[in-house]
N, C-alpha and C. Protein backbone atom coordinates (compact mmCIF):
# COMPACT_ATOMS: atom_id res chain seq x y z
N MET A 1 226.29 0.88 -61.94
CA MET A 1 225.79 -0.32 -61.30
C MET A 1 225.42 0.03 -59.87
N ALA A 2 224.37 -0.60 -59.36
CA ALA A 2 223.91 -0.36 -58.00
C ALA A 2 223.74 -1.67 -57.29
N ILE A 3 223.74 -1.63 -55.94
CA ILE A 3 223.46 -2.85 -55.19
C ILE A 3 222.42 -2.51 -54.12
N GLN A 4 221.72 -3.57 -53.69
CA GLN A 4 220.75 -3.46 -52.62
C GLN A 4 220.91 -4.73 -51.78
N SER A 5 220.90 -4.62 -50.44
CA SER A 5 221.06 -5.76 -49.55
C SER A 5 219.98 -5.76 -48.48
N VAL A 6 219.54 -7.00 -48.09
CA VAL A 6 218.56 -7.17 -46.99
C VAL A 6 218.93 -8.41 -46.20
N LEU A 7 218.37 -8.46 -44.97
CA LEU A 7 218.39 -9.69 -44.21
C LEU A 7 217.05 -10.37 -44.52
N ILE A 8 217.11 -11.64 -44.93
CA ILE A 8 215.90 -12.36 -45.35
C ILE A 8 215.12 -12.81 -44.12
N GLN A 9 213.83 -12.57 -44.13
CA GLN A 9 212.93 -12.97 -43.05
C GLN A 9 212.12 -14.21 -43.44
N THR A 10 211.37 -14.76 -42.48
CA THR A 10 210.48 -15.88 -42.80
C THR A 10 209.27 -15.39 -43.56
N ILE A 11 208.93 -14.12 -43.41
CA ILE A 11 207.86 -13.53 -44.22
C ILE A 11 208.50 -13.06 -45.56
N ASP A 12 207.66 -12.75 -46.51
CA ASP A 12 208.16 -12.29 -47.81
C ASP A 12 208.92 -10.99 -47.63
N THR A 13 210.19 -11.02 -48.05
CA THR A 13 211.07 -9.84 -47.91
C THR A 13 211.40 -9.28 -49.29
N VAL A 14 211.09 -8.01 -49.51
CA VAL A 14 211.37 -7.37 -50.80
C VAL A 14 212.88 -7.07 -50.87
N LEU A 15 213.55 -7.70 -51.81
CA LEU A 15 214.96 -7.44 -52.04
C LEU A 15 215.12 -6.22 -52.92
N LEU A 16 214.25 -6.10 -53.91
CA LEU A 16 214.33 -4.94 -54.84
C LEU A 16 212.94 -4.69 -55.45
N GLU A 17 212.56 -3.42 -55.50
CA GLU A 17 211.34 -3.01 -56.18
C GLU A 17 211.70 -1.90 -57.14
N VAL A 18 211.29 -2.06 -58.41
CA VAL A 18 211.66 -1.07 -59.43
C VAL A 18 210.68 0.10 -59.34
N PRO A 19 211.18 1.34 -59.28
CA PRO A 19 210.31 2.50 -59.28
C PRO A 19 209.52 2.62 -60.59
N ALA A 20 208.37 3.28 -60.55
CA ALA A 20 207.54 3.48 -61.72
C ALA A 20 208.37 4.13 -62.86
N GLU A 21 208.05 3.72 -64.05
CA GLU A 21 208.68 4.29 -65.26
C GLU A 21 210.16 3.98 -65.40
N GLN A 22 210.67 2.95 -64.66
CA GLN A 22 212.08 2.57 -64.80
C GLN A 22 212.18 1.11 -65.15
N ARG A 23 213.37 0.73 -65.63
CA ARG A 23 213.69 -0.66 -65.94
C ARG A 23 215.07 -0.95 -65.40
N TYR A 24 215.24 -2.14 -64.81
CA TYR A 24 216.52 -2.55 -64.29
C TYR A 24 216.92 -3.86 -64.94
N ALA A 25 218.21 -4.01 -65.13
CA ALA A 25 218.78 -5.31 -65.58
C ALA A 25 219.48 -5.89 -64.35
N VAL A 26 218.98 -6.99 -63.86
CA VAL A 26 219.57 -7.67 -62.68
C VAL A 26 220.75 -8.49 -63.19
N THR A 27 221.94 -8.21 -62.64
CA THR A 27 223.14 -8.89 -63.08
C THR A 27 223.54 -10.07 -62.21
N VAL A 28 223.30 -9.94 -60.89
CA VAL A 28 223.64 -11.06 -60.00
C VAL A 28 222.84 -10.92 -58.71
N ILE A 29 222.46 -12.05 -58.11
CA ILE A 29 221.90 -12.11 -56.78
C ILE A 29 222.73 -13.09 -55.95
N MET A 30 223.15 -12.67 -54.80
CA MET A 30 223.92 -13.54 -53.92
C MET A 30 223.19 -13.70 -52.59
N ILE A 31 223.07 -14.92 -52.13
CA ILE A 31 222.45 -15.22 -50.84
C ILE A 31 223.52 -15.87 -49.99
N CYS A 32 223.71 -15.37 -48.76
CA CYS A 32 224.76 -15.87 -47.87
C CYS A 32 224.17 -16.28 -46.53
N ASN A 33 224.50 -17.48 -46.08
CA ASN A 33 224.12 -17.93 -44.75
C ASN A 33 225.20 -17.39 -43.80
N THR A 34 224.85 -16.41 -43.01
CA THR A 34 225.81 -15.70 -42.16
C THR A 34 226.06 -16.42 -40.81
N ALA A 35 225.39 -17.52 -40.57
CA ALA A 35 225.60 -18.26 -39.29
C ALA A 35 227.00 -18.86 -39.25
N THR A 36 227.50 -19.06 -38.06
CA THR A 36 228.80 -19.68 -37.87
C THR A 36 228.69 -21.19 -38.07
N ALA A 37 229.58 -21.72 -38.86
CA ALA A 37 229.58 -23.17 -39.14
C ALA A 37 230.02 -23.96 -37.90
N ASN A 38 229.39 -25.08 -37.68
CA ASN A 38 229.77 -25.98 -36.61
C ASN A 38 230.36 -27.23 -37.28
N PRO A 39 231.67 -27.43 -37.20
CA PRO A 39 232.31 -28.58 -37.86
C PRO A 39 231.76 -29.93 -37.40
N ALA A 40 231.23 -29.97 -36.18
CA ALA A 40 230.71 -31.23 -35.68
C ALA A 40 229.30 -31.54 -36.20
N ASP A 41 228.60 -30.50 -36.71
CA ASP A 41 227.22 -30.69 -37.19
C ASP A 41 226.94 -29.67 -38.30
N ASP A 42 227.14 -30.09 -39.55
CA ASP A 42 226.96 -29.13 -40.66
C ASP A 42 225.49 -28.82 -40.96
N THR A 43 224.55 -29.46 -40.25
CA THR A 43 223.14 -29.11 -40.41
C THR A 43 222.60 -28.20 -39.32
N GLU A 44 223.48 -27.82 -38.37
CA GLU A 44 223.01 -27.04 -37.23
C GLU A 44 222.33 -25.71 -37.64
N ASN A 45 222.89 -25.00 -38.55
CA ASN A 45 222.33 -23.73 -39.02
C ASN A 45 221.84 -23.82 -40.44
N LEU A 46 221.34 -24.96 -40.84
CA LEU A 46 220.78 -25.15 -42.17
C LEU A 46 219.43 -24.40 -42.29
N THR A 47 219.27 -23.69 -43.39
CA THR A 47 217.99 -23.04 -43.66
C THR A 47 217.74 -23.08 -45.15
N ASN A 48 216.48 -22.99 -45.55
CA ASN A 48 216.10 -23.01 -46.98
C ASN A 48 215.57 -21.64 -47.37
N PHE A 49 215.72 -21.32 -48.67
CA PHE A 49 215.15 -20.05 -49.12
C PHE A 49 214.44 -20.22 -50.46
N ASP A 50 213.53 -19.29 -50.73
CA ASP A 50 212.81 -19.20 -52.01
C ASP A 50 213.09 -17.81 -52.62
N LEU A 51 213.10 -17.75 -53.95
CA LEU A 51 213.31 -16.47 -54.66
C LEU A 51 212.23 -16.35 -55.71
N HIS A 52 211.58 -15.17 -55.73
CA HIS A 52 210.49 -14.88 -56.67
C HIS A 52 210.75 -13.62 -57.46
N PHE A 53 210.43 -13.61 -58.73
CA PHE A 53 210.39 -12.42 -59.55
C PHE A 53 208.90 -12.13 -59.76
N VAL A 54 208.38 -11.08 -59.15
CA VAL A 54 206.94 -10.80 -59.13
C VAL A 54 206.62 -9.61 -59.99
N LYS A 55 205.80 -9.83 -61.02
CA LYS A 55 205.38 -8.75 -61.94
C LYS A 55 204.43 -7.82 -61.20
N GLN A 56 204.49 -6.53 -61.55
CA GLN A 56 203.64 -5.53 -60.93
C GLN A 56 202.17 -6.01 -60.91
N GLY A 57 201.54 -5.85 -59.76
CA GLY A 57 200.14 -6.20 -59.65
C GLY A 57 199.89 -7.67 -59.30
N ASN A 58 200.90 -8.52 -59.37
CA ASN A 58 200.72 -9.94 -59.06
C ASN A 58 201.16 -10.23 -57.62
N ALA A 59 200.61 -11.32 -57.10
CA ALA A 59 200.95 -11.79 -55.78
C ALA A 59 202.04 -12.84 -55.89
N ILE A 60 202.80 -13.01 -54.82
CA ILE A 60 203.85 -14.04 -54.75
C ILE A 60 203.17 -15.40 -54.79
N GLY A 61 203.80 -16.35 -55.52
CA GLY A 61 203.22 -17.70 -55.61
C GLY A 61 204.10 -18.60 -56.46
N ASN A 62 203.62 -19.80 -56.69
CA ASN A 62 204.40 -20.76 -57.48
C ASN A 62 204.64 -20.30 -58.91
N LEU A 63 203.73 -19.48 -59.44
CA LEU A 63 203.86 -19.00 -60.83
C LEU A 63 205.13 -18.18 -61.02
N ASN A 64 205.53 -17.41 -60.01
CA ASN A 64 206.72 -16.54 -60.14
C ASN A 64 207.90 -16.98 -59.29
N LYS A 65 207.83 -18.21 -58.76
CA LYS A 65 208.96 -18.75 -58.00
C LYS A 65 210.02 -19.21 -58.98
N VAL A 66 211.23 -18.70 -58.88
CA VAL A 66 212.33 -19.09 -59.79
C VAL A 66 213.31 -20.02 -59.12
N ILE A 67 213.38 -19.95 -57.78
CA ILE A 67 214.24 -20.83 -57.01
C ILE A 67 213.44 -21.22 -55.78
N GLY A 68 213.35 -22.51 -55.49
CA GLY A 68 212.55 -22.96 -54.38
C GLY A 68 213.26 -23.92 -53.44
N SER A 69 213.13 -23.62 -52.15
CA SER A 69 213.61 -24.51 -51.07
C SER A 69 215.06 -24.92 -51.23
N VAL A 70 215.90 -23.94 -51.52
CA VAL A 70 217.35 -24.23 -51.67
C VAL A 70 217.95 -24.30 -50.25
N PRO A 71 218.55 -25.45 -49.91
CA PRO A 71 219.18 -25.57 -48.58
C PRO A 71 220.53 -24.84 -48.52
N MET A 72 220.70 -24.07 -47.45
CA MET A 72 221.95 -23.34 -47.26
C MET A 72 222.53 -23.69 -45.90
N THR A 73 223.74 -24.21 -45.88
CA THR A 73 224.43 -24.51 -44.65
C THR A 73 225.18 -23.25 -44.20
N ALA A 74 225.56 -23.21 -42.93
CA ALA A 74 226.26 -22.06 -42.37
C ALA A 74 227.52 -21.75 -43.15
N GLY A 75 227.73 -20.50 -43.48
CA GLY A 75 228.92 -20.06 -44.20
C GLY A 75 228.86 -20.22 -45.70
N GLU A 76 227.79 -20.79 -46.22
CA GLU A 76 227.65 -21.03 -47.65
C GLU A 76 227.06 -19.81 -48.37
N THR A 77 227.45 -19.61 -49.63
CA THR A 77 226.90 -18.54 -50.46
C THR A 77 226.36 -19.14 -51.77
N PHE A 78 225.13 -18.74 -52.12
CA PHE A 78 224.49 -19.15 -53.36
C PHE A 78 224.56 -17.94 -54.33
N THR A 79 224.93 -18.17 -55.57
CA THR A 79 224.99 -17.09 -56.56
C THR A 79 224.09 -17.40 -57.72
N PHE A 80 223.21 -16.45 -58.08
CA PHE A 80 222.28 -16.54 -59.20
C PHE A 80 222.78 -15.53 -60.24
N ASP A 81 223.57 -16.01 -61.22
CA ASP A 81 224.13 -15.08 -62.21
C ASP A 81 224.19 -15.66 -63.62
N THR A 82 223.48 -16.74 -63.86
CA THR A 82 223.50 -17.38 -65.17
C THR A 82 222.78 -16.55 -66.23
N GLU A 83 221.69 -15.97 -65.86
CA GLU A 83 220.88 -15.16 -66.79
C GLU A 83 220.77 -13.75 -66.28
N LYS A 84 220.61 -12.79 -67.16
CA LYS A 84 220.35 -11.41 -66.82
C LYS A 84 218.83 -11.24 -66.96
N ILE A 85 218.22 -10.64 -65.95
CA ILE A 85 216.79 -10.48 -65.89
C ILE A 85 216.44 -9.00 -66.00
N ILE A 86 215.49 -8.65 -66.87
CA ILE A 86 215.00 -7.30 -67.02
C ILE A 86 213.70 -7.19 -66.25
N ILE A 87 213.64 -6.27 -65.30
CA ILE A 87 212.41 -6.01 -64.56
C ILE A 87 212.00 -4.56 -64.74
N GLU A 88 210.67 -4.31 -64.71
CA GLU A 88 210.16 -2.98 -65.01
C GLU A 88 209.45 -2.39 -63.78
N GLY A 89 209.04 -1.13 -63.95
CA GLY A 89 208.37 -0.39 -62.88
C GLY A 89 207.33 -1.20 -62.13
N GLY A 90 207.43 -1.27 -60.82
CA GLY A 90 206.49 -2.03 -60.00
C GLY A 90 206.85 -3.47 -59.78
N ASP A 91 207.73 -4.04 -60.62
CA ASP A 91 208.15 -5.42 -60.45
C ASP A 91 209.01 -5.53 -59.21
N ARG A 92 208.96 -6.71 -58.55
CA ARG A 92 209.71 -6.87 -57.29
C ARG A 92 210.47 -8.20 -57.31
N ILE A 93 211.57 -8.23 -56.60
CA ILE A 93 212.28 -9.47 -56.30
C ILE A 93 212.02 -9.72 -54.81
N ILE A 94 211.43 -10.88 -54.52
CA ILE A 94 211.03 -11.20 -53.15
C ILE A 94 211.72 -12.51 -52.75
N VAL A 95 212.22 -12.53 -51.50
CA VAL A 95 212.85 -13.73 -50.93
C VAL A 95 212.24 -14.03 -49.57
N ASN A 96 212.31 -15.29 -49.18
CA ASN A 96 211.93 -15.67 -47.83
C ASN A 96 212.72 -16.92 -47.44
N CYS A 97 212.79 -17.21 -46.14
CA CYS A 97 213.57 -18.34 -45.68
C CYS A 97 212.96 -18.96 -44.43
N ASP A 98 213.54 -20.08 -43.99
CA ASP A 98 213.06 -20.79 -42.77
C ASP A 98 213.48 -20.10 -41.50
N SER A 99 214.68 -19.53 -41.45
CA SER A 99 215.23 -18.95 -40.22
C SER A 99 215.50 -17.48 -40.43
N PRO A 100 214.77 -16.61 -39.72
CA PRO A 100 214.93 -15.16 -39.91
C PRO A 100 216.33 -14.66 -39.54
N THR A 101 216.81 -13.73 -40.36
CA THR A 101 218.06 -12.98 -40.19
C THR A 101 219.31 -13.85 -40.20
N VAL A 102 219.19 -15.09 -40.65
CA VAL A 102 220.38 -15.93 -40.82
C VAL A 102 220.95 -15.77 -42.22
N LEU A 103 220.09 -15.46 -43.19
CA LEU A 103 220.50 -15.26 -44.58
C LEU A 103 220.48 -13.79 -44.94
N SER A 104 221.51 -13.38 -45.65
CA SER A 104 221.53 -12.02 -46.25
C SER A 104 221.47 -12.19 -47.76
N ALA A 105 220.84 -11.22 -48.40
CA ALA A 105 220.73 -11.24 -49.86
C ALA A 105 221.23 -9.92 -50.43
N THR A 106 221.96 -10.00 -51.52
CA THR A 106 222.45 -8.80 -52.21
C THR A 106 222.14 -8.96 -53.69
N VAL A 107 221.61 -7.90 -54.27
CA VAL A 107 221.34 -7.89 -55.74
C VAL A 107 222.16 -6.74 -56.34
N SER A 108 222.73 -7.02 -57.50
CA SER A 108 223.42 -6.01 -58.27
C SER A 108 222.60 -5.80 -59.55
N TYR A 109 222.40 -4.53 -59.90
CA TYR A 109 221.55 -4.23 -61.08
C TYR A 109 222.01 -2.94 -61.76
N LEU A 110 221.60 -2.83 -63.00
CA LEU A 110 221.86 -1.63 -63.81
C LEU A 110 220.53 -0.98 -64.18
N GLU A 111 220.50 0.34 -64.09
CA GLU A 111 219.33 1.03 -64.55
C GLU A 111 219.41 1.16 -66.08
N LEU A 112 218.32 0.82 -66.78
CA LEU A 112 218.32 0.89 -68.27
C LEU A 112 217.65 2.15 -68.72
């Protein structure tokens, strides 16, 4: 099993790209809002994120958006582990958010 981590930017950020001639089984994706929570205002460090599974040769868009505009408060973690996803050479997992470097993303995967 392998992991890959990135800080999510407001521009499209590649979380994982499968090398040519390989296949990966994605087991879990975790997104964490690393900002410090403010007990007096739980919306202070609120940010939204999108998650896309993009097939080789395709552009990011609504067709490959699997999670959209999920609100994340400071200190919260979102886990995507209900389904196992198989991605092939050239396929990418792309994330973006409202506030740069506030969210971190980690993907765990197996090479098939």
